[in-house]
Amino acid sequence: MVAIVAAGEVVFEVQDNYQKQTYRNRAYIAHANGRLLLNVPIKHSKGGARQKTKEVMPEDNFPWQDQHWKSLQTAYRTSPFFEFYEDELEPLFTKKVNGLLEHNLEIFDVLLELLGHSVQISQTKTYESHPEITDLRYLVEAKKQKDYSFTAYTQVLQTHHGFLSDLSVLDLLFNEGPNALHYLEEQSLDI
């Protein structure tokens, strides 16, 4: 999210093959026991065939959205700005998800609106291994996590486990509220 604050335009890669264990279907929040993974389960293709990112469907055999929403409520109900944002966020966890990409794009739009920020958004038409624009696709790789040394802000559960970095931007919104965009603008990201 920090990378987009400085950008005037964001191009989403939608023509690549879906890769497991990326931030396309996961995020971390602060919870009483530390970092908690919120993972969107994925329907895998038959026979293990590759799927395009734009074709990936969430698994709907169990109520993952309800579990995610309850986890957010438990973790952030006492944060300064949870109630300020909950009405805009709740539909992301209650309405049916028809595709992972579509859901992610909707989340992105809602987060930009809550941050009070706008950027021009487009999607790739073809896959390019070496695009002519700044390539930030590696940022979705969860296993190759890099410490960006972001400035600490006050977190509601900080007394339990200290400051936790690299969490979902929801943590920032619930703890910093309208100051979240200013916080993001102040951060530097070595890309």
N, C-alpha and C. Protein backbone atom coordinates (compact mmCIF):
# COMPACT_ATOMS: atom_id res chain seq x y z
N MET A 1 0.83 -1.19 0.00
CA MET A 1 0.00 0.00 0.00
C MET A 1 0.87 1.26 0.00
N VAL A 2 2.02 1.19 0.66
CA VAL A 2 2.91 2.34 0.68
C VAL A 2 3.34 2.71 -0.73
N ALA A 3 3.61 1.71 -1.55
CA ALA A 3 4.08 1.96 -2.92
C ALA A 3 3.05 2.72 -3.73
N ILE A 4 1.78 2.48 -3.50
CA ILE A 4 0.76 3.14 -4.32
C ILE A 4 0.53 4.58 -3.91
N VAL A 5 0.86 4.91 -2.67
CA VAL A 5 0.64 6.28 -2.22
C VAL A 5 1.45 7.25 -3.06
N ALA A 6 2.67 6.87 -3.38
CA ALA A 6 3.53 7.74 -4.17
C ALA A 6 3.20 7.67 -5.66
N ALA A 7 2.49 6.64 -6.07
CA ALA A 7 2.22 6.43 -7.50
C ALA A 7 1.04 7.28 -7.96
N GLY A 8 1.11 7.71 -9.18
CA GLY A 8 -0.01 8.39 -9.80
C GLY A 8 -0.88 7.40 -10.57
N GLU A 9 -0.29 6.24 -10.85
CA GLU A 9 -0.99 5.22 -11.61
C GLU A 9 -0.57 3.84 -11.10
N VAL A 10 -1.53 2.94 -11.05
CA VAL A 10 -1.28 1.56 -10.64
C VAL A 10 -1.80 0.65 -11.75
N VAL A 11 -0.94 -0.28 -12.20
CA VAL A 11 -1.34 -1.26 -13.21
C VAL A 11 -1.33 -2.62 -12.53
N PHE A 12 -2.49 -3.25 -12.47
CA PHE A 12 -2.61 -4.56 -11.86
C PHE A 12 -2.30 -5.65 -12.88
N GLU A 13 -1.43 -6.58 -12.50
CA GLU A 13 -1.12 -7.74 -13.34
C GLU A 13 -2.27 -8.73 -13.20
N VAL A 14 -2.98 -8.99 -14.28
CA VAL A 14 -4.11 -9.93 -14.24
C VAL A 14 -3.94 -11.06 -15.24
N GLN A 15 -2.86 -11.05 -16.02
CA GLN A 15 -2.65 -12.07 -17.04
C GLN A 15 -1.65 -13.14 -16.63
N ASP A 16 -1.08 -13.02 -15.45
CA ASP A 16 -0.08 -14.00 -15.03
C ASP A 16 -0.74 -15.26 -14.47
N ASN A 17 0.05 -16.30 -14.29
CA ASN A 17 -0.44 -17.51 -13.64
C ASN A 17 -0.48 -17.27 -12.13
N TYR A 18 -1.53 -17.76 -11.51
CA TYR A 18 -1.68 -17.60 -10.07
C TYR A 18 -0.58 -18.36 -9.35
N GLN A 19 0.01 -17.72 -8.36
CA GLN A 19 1.04 -18.35 -7.54
C GLN A 19 0.54 -18.45 -6.11
N LYS A 20 0.73 -19.63 -5.52
CA LYS A 20 0.33 -19.84 -4.14
C LYS A 20 1.27 -19.06 -3.21
N GLN A 21 0.80 -18.88 -1.99
CA GLN A 21 1.55 -18.24 -0.92
C GLN A 21 2.03 -16.85 -1.28
N THR A 22 1.09 -16.05 -1.78
CA THR A 22 1.36 -14.64 -2.05
C THR A 22 0.32 -13.81 -1.30
N TYR A 23 0.52 -12.51 -1.30
CA TYR A 23 -0.43 -11.62 -0.64
C TYR A 23 -1.70 -11.43 -1.45
N ARG A 24 -1.85 -12.15 -2.53
CA ARG A 24 -3.09 -12.07 -3.31
C ARG A 24 -4.27 -12.65 -2.52
N ASN A 25 -3.97 -13.57 -1.61
CA ASN A 25 -5.07 -14.18 -0.84
C ASN A 25 -4.79 -14.22 0.66
N ARG A 26 -3.90 -13.35 1.14
CA ARG A 26 -3.61 -13.36 2.57
C ARG A 26 -3.21 -11.98 3.06
N ALA A 27 -3.42 -11.79 4.35
CA ALA A 27 -3.01 -10.57 5.04
C ALA A 27 -2.82 -10.92 6.50
N TYR A 28 -2.02 -10.12 7.17
CA TYR A 28 -1.79 -10.31 8.60
C TYR A 28 -2.37 -9.14 9.37
N ILE A 29 -2.95 -9.47 10.53
CA ILE A 29 -3.44 -8.45 11.44
C ILE A 29 -2.81 -8.69 12.81
N ALA A 30 -2.88 -7.67 13.66
CA ALA A 30 -2.42 -7.83 15.04
C ALA A 30 -3.54 -8.47 15.84
N HIS A 31 -3.20 -9.47 16.62
CA HIS A 31 -4.19 -10.16 17.44
C HIS A 31 -3.59 -10.34 18.83
N ALA A 32 -4.37 -10.75 19.78
CA ALA A 32 -3.90 -10.89 21.16
C ALA A 32 -2.66 -11.78 21.27
N ASN A 33 -2.53 -12.76 20.38
CA ASN A 33 -1.39 -13.67 20.41
C ASN A 33 -0.27 -13.27 19.45
N GLY A 34 -0.34 -12.09 18.86
CA GLY A 34 0.66 -11.64 17.90
C GLY A 34 0.06 -11.48 16.51
N ARG A 35 0.83 -11.83 15.49
CA ARG A 35 0.35 -11.73 14.11
C ARG A 35 -0.63 -12.87 13.83
N LEU A 36 -1.75 -12.52 13.20
CA LEU A 36 -2.75 -13.52 12.83
C LEU A 36 -2.94 -13.47 11.32
N LEU A 37 -2.83 -14.62 10.68
CA LEU A 37 -3.00 -14.72 9.23
C LEU A 37 -4.47 -14.83 8.89
N LEU A 38 -4.93 -13.97 7.98
CA LEU A 38 -6.26 -14.08 7.39
C LEU A 38 -6.01 -14.57 5.96
N ASN A 39 -6.42 -15.79 5.69
CA ASN A 39 -6.13 -16.43 4.42
C ASN A 39 -7.43 -16.74 3.69
N VAL A 40 -7.54 -16.31 2.46
CA VAL A 40 -8.71 -16.65 1.63
C VAL A 40 -8.41 -17.99 0.98
N PRO A 41 -9.20 -19.02 1.31
CA PRO A 41 -8.95 -20.33 0.70
C PRO A 41 -9.30 -20.31 -0.78
N ILE A 42 -8.52 -21.03 -1.56
CA ILE A 42 -8.65 -21.01 -3.02
C ILE A 42 -9.10 -22.37 -3.54
N LYS A 43 -10.00 -22.34 -4.53
CA LYS A 43 -10.37 -23.57 -5.25
C LYS A 43 -9.26 -23.86 -6.24
N HIS A 44 -8.65 -25.01 -6.09
CA HIS A 44 -7.57 -25.37 -7.00
C HIS A 44 -8.14 -26.08 -8.22
N SER A 45 -7.49 -25.88 -9.34
CA SER A 45 -7.96 -26.48 -10.58
C SER A 45 -7.77 -28.00 -10.54
N LYS A 46 -8.57 -28.69 -11.29
CA LYS A 46 -8.48 -30.15 -11.35
C LYS A 46 -7.19 -30.56 -12.03
N GLY A 47 -6.55 -31.54 -11.44
CA GLY A 47 -5.32 -32.05 -12.01
C GLY A 47 -4.12 -31.14 -11.79
N GLY A 48 -4.30 -30.10 -10.97
CA GLY A 48 -3.18 -29.21 -10.68
C GLY A 48 -2.79 -28.29 -11.82
N ALA A 49 -3.66 -28.14 -12.82
CA ALA A 49 -3.34 -27.26 -13.96
C ALA A 49 -3.20 -25.81 -13.48
N ARG A 50 -2.36 -25.08 -14.17
CA ARG A 50 -2.17 -23.67 -13.82
C ARG A 50 -3.45 -22.89 -14.09
N GLN A 51 -3.65 -21.89 -13.23
CA GLN A 51 -4.79 -21.00 -13.39
C GLN A 51 -4.28 -19.58 -13.57
N LYS A 52 -4.95 -18.84 -14.40
CA LYS A 52 -4.66 -17.41 -14.51
C LYS A 52 -5.16 -16.74 -13.23
N THR A 53 -4.47 -15.72 -12.81
CA THR A 53 -4.87 -14.98 -11.61
C THR A 53 -6.32 -14.54 -11.71
N LYS A 54 -6.72 -14.07 -12.88
CA LYS A 54 -8.08 -13.56 -13.05
C LYS A 54 -9.15 -14.66 -13.01
N GLU A 55 -8.74 -15.94 -13.04
CA GLU A 55 -9.69 -17.06 -13.03
C GLU A 55 -9.83 -17.72 -11.65
N VAL A 56 -9.02 -17.31 -10.69
CA VAL A 56 -9.01 -17.96 -9.37
C VAL A 56 -10.28 -17.64 -8.61
N MET A 57 -10.87 -18.71 -8.06
CA MET A 57 -12.10 -18.59 -7.28
C MET A 57 -11.82 -18.95 -5.82
N PRO A 58 -12.39 -18.21 -4.89
CA PRO A 58 -12.26 -18.59 -3.48
C PRO A 58 -13.08 -19.85 -3.19
N GLU A 59 -12.60 -20.64 -2.26
CA GLU A 59 -13.33 -21.82 -1.80
C GLU A 59 -14.46 -21.33 -0.91
N ASP A 60 -15.67 -21.80 -1.17
CA ASP A 60 -16.81 -21.33 -0.38
C ASP A 60 -17.49 -22.44 0.42
N ASN A 61 -16.75 -23.50 0.74
CA ASN A 61 -17.32 -24.60 1.52
C ASN A 61 -17.36 -24.33 3.01
N PHE A 62 -16.75 -23.24 3.44
CA PHE A 62 -16.82 -22.86 4.84
C PHE A 62 -16.78 -21.33 4.93
N PRO A 63 -17.24 -20.79 6.04
CA PRO A 63 -17.47 -19.33 6.15
C PRO A 63 -16.21 -18.52 6.45
N TRP A 64 -15.25 -18.49 5.52
CA TRP A 64 -14.01 -17.76 5.77
C TRP A 64 -14.24 -16.26 5.94
N GLN A 65 -15.19 -15.70 5.20
CA GLN A 65 -15.46 -14.26 5.32
C GLN A 65 -15.95 -13.92 6.72
N ASP A 66 -16.85 -14.73 7.22
CA ASP A 66 -17.39 -14.53 8.57
C ASP A 66 -16.27 -14.65 9.61
N GLN A 67 -15.40 -15.63 9.43
CA GLN A 67 -14.28 -15.82 10.36
C GLN A 67 -13.33 -14.62 10.32
N HIS A 68 -13.06 -14.11 9.12
CA HIS A 68 -12.17 -12.95 8.99
C HIS A 68 -12.78 -11.72 9.67
N TRP A 69 -14.08 -11.50 9.45
CA TRP A 69 -14.74 -10.34 10.04
C TRP A 69 -14.75 -10.44 11.56
N LYS A 70 -15.03 -11.62 12.09
CA LYS A 70 -15.02 -11.81 13.55
C LYS A 70 -13.62 -11.61 14.12
N SER A 71 -12.60 -12.05 13.39
CA SER A 71 -11.22 -11.84 13.84
C SER A 71 -10.88 -10.35 13.88
N LEU A 72 -11.32 -9.61 12.86
CA LEU A 72 -11.08 -8.16 12.84
C LEU A 72 -11.82 -7.47 13.99
N GLN A 73 -13.05 -7.88 14.22
CA GLN A 73 -13.81 -7.29 15.32
C GLN A 73 -13.14 -7.57 16.67
N THR A 74 -12.71 -8.81 16.87
CA THR A 74 -12.06 -9.18 18.12
C THR A 74 -10.76 -8.40 18.30
N ALA A 75 -9.98 -8.29 17.25
CA ALA A 75 -8.67 -7.65 17.34
C ALA A 75 -8.77 -6.13 17.46
N TYR A 76 -9.74 -5.51 16.80
CA TYR A 76 -9.73 -4.06 16.68
C TYR A 76 -10.94 -3.34 17.26
N ARG A 77 -11.85 -4.03 17.86
CA ARG A 77 -13.05 -3.38 18.41
C ARG A 77 -12.69 -2.23 19.35
N THR A 78 -11.61 -2.37 20.10
CA THR A 78 -11.22 -1.33 21.05
C THR A 78 -10.25 -0.30 20.46
N SER A 79 -9.89 -0.45 19.19
CA SER A 79 -8.99 0.52 18.57
C SER A 79 -9.74 1.84 18.36
N PRO A 80 -9.01 2.94 18.25
CA PRO A 80 -9.65 4.25 18.18
C PRO A 80 -10.59 4.46 16.99
N PHE A 81 -10.34 3.78 15.86
CA PHE A 81 -11.11 4.11 14.65
C PHE A 81 -11.87 2.94 14.03
N PHE A 82 -11.98 1.81 14.73
CA PHE A 82 -12.70 0.67 14.16
C PHE A 82 -14.13 1.05 13.80
N GLU A 83 -14.84 1.65 14.74
CA GLU A 83 -16.24 2.01 14.51
C GLU A 83 -16.38 3.04 13.39
N PHE A 84 -15.37 3.85 13.20
CA PHE A 84 -15.37 4.88 12.16
C PHE A 84 -15.41 4.25 10.76
N TYR A 85 -14.78 3.08 10.60
CA TYR A 85 -14.65 2.44 9.28
C TYR A 85 -15.48 1.16 9.10
N GLU A 86 -16.03 0.61 10.15
CA GLU A 86 -16.64 -0.71 10.05
C GLU A 86 -17.81 -0.80 9.07
N ASP A 87 -18.61 0.24 8.95
CA ASP A 87 -19.75 0.18 8.04
C ASP A 87 -19.33 0.08 6.57
N GLU A 88 -18.20 0.72 6.21
CA GLU A 88 -17.71 0.64 4.84
C GLU A 88 -17.01 -0.69 4.56
N LEU A 89 -16.43 -1.29 5.60
CA LEU A 89 -15.68 -2.54 5.42
C LEU A 89 -16.52 -3.79 5.52
N GLU A 90 -17.56 -3.76 6.32
CA GLU A 90 -18.35 -4.98 6.55
C GLU A 90 -18.85 -5.65 5.28
N PRO A 91 -19.32 -4.92 4.26
CA PRO A 91 -19.78 -5.59 3.03
C PRO A 91 -18.71 -6.47 2.37
N LEU A 92 -17.43 -6.14 2.56
CA LEU A 92 -16.37 -6.98 1.99
C LEU A 92 -16.35 -8.37 2.62
N PHE A 93 -16.96 -8.48 3.79
CA PHE A 93 -16.96 -9.75 4.51
C PHE A 93 -18.33 -10.40 4.58
N THR A 94 -19.33 -9.78 3.96
CA THR A 94 -20.67 -10.34 4.03
C THR A 94 -21.27 -10.68 2.66
N LYS A 95 -20.85 -9.99 1.62
CA LYS A 95 -21.42 -10.31 0.31
C LYS A 95 -20.59 -11.38 -0.39
N LYS A 96 -21.25 -12.15 -1.23
CA LYS A 96 -20.62 -13.28 -1.92
C LYS A 96 -19.46 -12.80 -2.79
N VAL A 97 -18.37 -13.55 -2.73
CA VAL A 97 -17.19 -13.26 -3.54
C VAL A 97 -17.22 -14.14 -4.78
N ASN A 98 -17.21 -13.53 -5.96
CA ASN A 98 -17.31 -14.28 -7.21
C ASN A 98 -15.97 -14.61 -7.84
N GLY A 99 -14.92 -13.94 -7.41
CA GLY A 99 -13.59 -14.20 -7.93
C GLY A 99 -12.57 -13.47 -7.06
N LEU A 100 -11.40 -14.08 -6.88
CA LEU A 100 -10.40 -13.48 -6.02
C LEU A 100 -9.93 -12.13 -6.55
N LEU A 101 -9.65 -12.03 -7.84
CA LEU A 101 -9.19 -10.77 -8.40
C LEU A 101 -10.23 -9.67 -8.25
N GLU A 102 -11.47 -9.99 -8.58
CA GLU A 102 -12.55 -9.02 -8.44
C GLU A 102 -12.66 -8.55 -6.98
N HIS A 103 -12.55 -9.49 -6.05
CA HIS A 103 -12.62 -9.16 -4.62
C HIS A 103 -11.44 -8.26 -4.21
N ASN A 104 -10.24 -8.60 -4.66
CA ASN A 104 -9.07 -7.79 -4.33
C ASN A 104 -9.18 -6.37 -4.89
N LEU A 105 -9.69 -6.24 -6.09
CA LEU A 105 -9.85 -4.92 -6.69
C LEU A 105 -10.89 -4.10 -5.91
N GLU A 106 -11.94 -4.76 -5.45
CA GLU A 106 -12.94 -4.08 -4.65
C GLU A 106 -12.35 -3.63 -3.31
N ILE A 107 -11.55 -4.50 -2.69
CA ILE A 107 -10.88 -4.14 -1.44
C ILE A 107 -9.97 -2.94 -1.66
N PHE A 108 -9.21 -2.96 -2.75
CA PHE A 108 -8.30 -1.87 -3.07
C PHE A 108 -9.06 -0.55 -3.21
N ASP A 109 -10.18 -0.58 -3.93
CA ASP A 109 -10.99 0.63 -4.11
C ASP A 109 -11.50 1.17 -2.77
N VAL A 110 -12.00 0.27 -1.94
CA VAL A 110 -12.52 0.67 -0.63
C VAL A 110 -11.40 1.27 0.23
N LEU A 111 -10.24 0.63 0.23
CA LEU A 111 -9.12 1.14 1.03
C LEU A 111 -8.66 2.51 0.54
N LEU A 112 -8.58 2.69 -0.77
CA LEU A 112 -8.21 4.01 -1.29
C LEU A 112 -9.21 5.07 -0.84
N GLU A 113 -10.49 4.73 -0.90
CA GLU A 113 -11.52 5.67 -0.47
C GLU A 113 -11.39 5.99 1.01
N LEU A 114 -11.17 4.98 1.84
CA LEU A 114 -11.04 5.21 3.28
C LEU A 114 -9.78 6.02 3.61
N LEU A 115 -8.74 5.82 2.83
CA LEU A 115 -7.51 6.60 3.02
C LEU A 115 -7.65 8.04 2.51
N GLY A 116 -8.64 8.26 1.66
CA GLY A 116 -8.80 9.58 1.06
C GLY A 116 -7.78 9.83 -0.03
N HIS A 117 -7.45 8.78 -0.78
CA HIS A 117 -6.43 8.88 -1.81
C HIS A 117 -7.00 8.35 -3.13
N SER A 118 -6.51 8.86 -4.23
CA SER A 118 -6.95 8.34 -5.52
C SER A 118 -5.74 8.17 -6.43
N VAL A 119 -5.79 7.14 -7.23
CA VAL A 119 -4.79 6.88 -8.25
C VAL A 119 -5.52 6.36 -9.48
N GLN A 120 -4.88 6.51 -10.62
CA GLN A 120 -5.43 5.95 -11.84
C GLN A 120 -5.12 4.46 -11.85
N ILE A 121 -6.12 3.63 -12.09
CA ILE A 121 -5.97 2.18 -12.04
C ILE A 121 -6.25 1.59 -13.41
N SER A 122 -5.39 0.64 -13.82
CA SER A 122 -5.63 -0.11 -15.05
C SER A 122 -5.18 -1.55 -14.83
N GLN A 123 -5.47 -2.40 -15.80
CA GLN A 123 -5.09 -3.80 -15.73
C GLN A 123 -4.31 -4.18 -16.99
N THR A 124 -3.42 -5.15 -16.83
CA THR A 124 -2.64 -5.59 -17.98
C THR A 124 -3.54 -6.29 -18.99
N LYS A 125 -3.19 -6.16 -20.25
CA LYS A 125 -3.92 -6.84 -21.34
C LYS A 125 -3.21 -8.13 -21.73
N THR A 126 -1.88 -8.14 -21.57
CA THR A 126 -1.07 -9.33 -21.85
C THR A 126 0.00 -9.44 -20.76
N TYR A 127 0.55 -10.62 -20.63
CA TYR A 127 1.62 -10.81 -19.65
C TYR A 127 2.95 -10.41 -20.28
N GLU A 128 3.69 -9.59 -19.58
CA GLU A 128 5.02 -9.18 -20.05
C GLU A 128 6.01 -9.53 -18.95
N SER A 129 7.03 -10.31 -19.27
CA SER A 129 8.01 -10.69 -18.25
C SER A 129 8.88 -9.50 -17.86
N HIS A 130 9.07 -8.54 -18.76
CA HIS A 130 9.86 -7.34 -18.47
C HIS A 130 9.08 -6.11 -18.94
N PRO A 131 8.12 -5.67 -18.13
CA PRO A 131 7.29 -4.53 -18.54
C PRO A 131 8.11 -3.24 -18.63
N GLU A 132 7.58 -2.29 -19.36
CA GLU A 132 8.27 -1.01 -19.56
C GLU A 132 8.02 -0.03 -18.42
N ILE A 133 7.22 -0.42 -17.45
CA ILE A 133 6.96 0.42 -16.28
C ILE A 133 7.64 -0.20 -15.07
N THR A 134 7.68 0.51 -13.96
CA THR A 134 8.28 -0.02 -12.75
C THR A 134 7.56 -1.30 -12.34
N ASP A 135 8.29 -2.37 -12.22
CA ASP A 135 7.72 -3.69 -11.95
C ASP A 135 7.76 -3.98 -10.44
N LEU A 136 6.60 -3.93 -9.82
CA LEU A 136 6.50 -4.18 -8.38
C LEU A 136 5.78 -5.50 -8.08
N ARG A 137 5.70 -6.38 -9.06
CA ARG A 137 4.98 -7.64 -8.86
C ARG A 137 5.59 -8.48 -7.75
N TYR A 138 6.87 -8.32 -7.50
CA TYR A 138 7.53 -9.10 -6.45
C TYR A 138 6.98 -8.78 -5.05
N LEU A 139 6.32 -7.64 -4.89
CA LEU A 139 5.80 -7.27 -3.58
C LEU A 139 4.69 -8.19 -3.08
N VAL A 140 4.09 -8.99 -3.97
CA VAL A 140 3.03 -9.91 -3.54
C VAL A 140 3.59 -11.20 -2.96
N GLU A 141 4.89 -11.42 -3.07
CA GLU A 141 5.49 -12.67 -2.61
C GLU A 141 5.62 -12.66 -1.09
N ALA A 142 4.82 -13.48 -0.43
CA ALA A 142 4.81 -13.51 1.03
C ALA A 142 6.05 -14.17 1.61
N LYS A 143 6.62 -15.13 0.93
CA LYS A 143 7.77 -15.86 1.46
C LYS A 143 9.07 -15.06 1.38
N LYS A 144 9.14 -14.10 0.47
CA LYS A 144 10.35 -13.30 0.33
C LYS A 144 10.15 -11.96 1.03
N GLN A 145 9.68 -12.02 2.25
CA GLN A 145 9.37 -10.83 3.01
C GLN A 145 10.63 -10.04 3.32
N LYS A 146 10.55 -8.76 3.10
CA LYS A 146 11.68 -7.87 3.34
C LYS A 146 11.29 -6.89 4.44
N ASP A 147 12.23 -6.56 5.31
CA ASP A 147 11.96 -5.60 6.36
C ASP A 147 12.14 -4.20 5.79
N TYR A 148 11.05 -3.45 5.71
CA TYR A 148 11.11 -2.11 5.16
C TYR A 148 11.32 -1.04 6.23
N SER A 149 11.39 -1.44 7.48
CA SER A 149 11.66 -0.53 8.60
C SER A 149 10.73 0.68 8.60
N PHE A 150 9.43 0.42 8.60
CA PHE A 150 8.47 1.50 8.67
C PHE A 150 8.47 2.09 10.08
N THR A 151 8.14 3.35 10.17
CA THR A 151 8.04 4.04 11.44
C THR A 151 6.92 3.41 12.27
N ALA A 152 7.19 3.21 13.54
CA ALA A 152 6.16 2.64 14.43
C ALA A 152 5.06 3.66 14.68
N TYR A 153 3.85 3.18 14.82
CA TYR A 153 2.71 3.99 15.23
C TYR A 153 2.06 3.24 16.39
N THR A 154 1.18 3.88 17.11
CA THR A 154 0.55 3.24 18.27
C THR A 154 -0.46 2.20 17.81
N GLN A 155 -0.28 0.98 18.27
CA GLN A 155 -1.20 -0.11 17.96
C GLN A 155 -1.95 -0.50 19.23
N VAL A 156 -3.20 -0.86 19.07
CA VAL A 156 -4.05 -1.15 20.22
C VAL A 156 -3.51 -2.32 21.06
N LEU A 157 -2.85 -3.28 20.47
CA LEU A 157 -2.34 -4.44 21.20
C LEU A 157 -0.83 -4.36 21.45
N GLN A 158 -0.27 -3.19 21.30
CA GLN A 158 1.18 -3.01 21.42
C GLN A 158 1.72 -3.40 22.80
N THR A 159 0.93 -3.23 23.84
CA THR A 159 1.40 -3.58 25.18
C THR A 159 1.59 -5.08 25.34
N HIS A 160 0.93 -5.88 24.51
CA HIS A 160 1.03 -7.34 24.59
C HIS A 160 2.29 -7.89 23.91
N HIS A 161 2.68 -7.31 22.77
CA HIS A 161 3.77 -7.90 21.99
C HIS A 161 4.63 -6.89 21.25
N GLY A 162 4.59 -5.63 21.67
CA GLY A 162 5.37 -4.60 21.00
C GLY A 162 4.77 -4.23 19.66
N PHE A 163 5.45 -3.35 18.93
CA PHE A 163 4.97 -2.93 17.62
C PHE A 163 5.16 -4.06 16.61
N LEU A 164 4.11 -4.36 15.87
CA LEU A 164 4.16 -5.36 14.80
C LEU A 164 4.13 -4.63 13.46
N SER A 165 5.15 -4.84 12.65
CA SER A 165 5.18 -4.18 11.34
C SER A 165 4.66 -5.14 10.27
N ASP A 166 4.52 -4.62 9.08
CA ASP A 166 4.10 -5.41 7.91
C ASP A 166 2.74 -6.08 8.09
N LEU A 167 1.81 -5.34 8.69
CA LEU A 167 0.45 -5.84 8.83
C LEU A 167 -0.42 -5.24 7.74
N SER A 168 -1.64 -5.71 7.65
CA SER A 168 -2.61 -5.15 6.71
C SER A 168 -2.77 -3.66 6.97
N VAL A 169 -3.06 -2.93 5.93
CA VAL A 169 -3.30 -1.49 6.07
C VAL A 169 -4.51 -1.24 6.98
N LEU A 170 -5.33 -2.26 7.19
CA LEU A 170 -6.45 -2.12 8.12
C LEU A 170 -5.96 -1.81 9.53
N ASP A 171 -4.83 -2.40 9.92
CA ASP A 171 -4.26 -2.11 11.24
C ASP A 171 -3.95 -0.62 11.35
N LEU A 172 -3.36 -0.07 10.32
CA LEU A 172 -3.04 1.35 10.30
C LEU A 172 -4.31 2.19 10.36
N LEU A 173 -5.30 1.85 9.56
CA LEU A 173 -6.56 2.61 9.55
C LEU A 173 -7.25 2.57 10.92
N PHE A 174 -7.34 1.39 11.51
CA PHE A 174 -8.05 1.27 12.79
C PHE A 174 -7.31 1.98 13.92
N ASN A 175 -5.99 2.09 13.82
CA ASN A 175 -5.22 2.72 14.88
C ASN A 175 -4.94 4.20 14.64
N GLU A 176 -4.78 4.61 13.39
CA GLU A 176 -4.42 5.99 13.07
C GLU A 176 -5.55 6.79 12.42
N GLY A 177 -6.55 6.11 11.90
CA GLY A 177 -7.69 6.80 11.31
C GLY A 177 -7.32 7.73 10.19
N PRO A 178 -7.85 8.96 10.19
CA PRO A 178 -7.58 9.91 9.11
C PRO A 178 -6.10 10.26 8.94
N ASN A 179 -5.28 9.97 9.92
CA ASN A 179 -3.85 10.24 9.82
C ASN A 179 -3.12 9.16 9.01
N ALA A 180 -3.81 8.08 8.63
CA ALA A 180 -3.17 6.95 7.95
C ALA A 180 -2.50 7.37 6.64
N LEU A 181 -3.16 8.19 5.85
CA LEU A 181 -2.57 8.60 4.57
C LEU A 181 -1.30 9.41 4.81
N HIS A 182 -1.34 10.33 5.76
CA HIS A 182 -0.13 11.11 6.08
C HIS A 182 1.00 10.18 6.52
N TYR A 183 0.68 9.19 7.34
CA TYR A 183 1.69 8.21 7.77
C TYR A 183 2.31 7.52 6.56
N LEU A 184 1.49 7.06 5.64
CA LEU A 184 1.99 6.36 4.45
C LEU A 184 2.86 7.27 3.58
N GLU A 185 2.45 8.51 3.45
CA GLU A 185 3.20 9.46 2.63
C GLU A 185 4.59 9.73 3.23
N GLU A 186 4.72 9.58 4.53
CA GLU A 186 5.99 9.84 5.23
C GLU A 186 6.96 8.67 5.15
N GLN A 187 6.49 7.50 4.76
CA GLN A 187 7.33 6.31 4.72
C GLN A 187 8.12 6.26 3.42
N SER A 188 9.29 5.67 3.49
CA SER A 188 10.08 5.47 2.27
C SER A 188 10.18 3.97 2.00
N LEU A 189 10.11 3.62 0.76
CA LEU A 189 10.15 2.23 0.35
C LEU A 189 11.26 2.07 -0.69
N ASP A 190 12.25 1.31 -0.33
CA ASP A 190 13.36 1.10 -1.26
C ASP A 190 12.97 0.02 -2.27
N ILE A 191 12.55 0.48 -3.44
CA ILE A 191 12.13 -0.47 -4.47
C ILE A 191 13.09 -0.38 -5.62
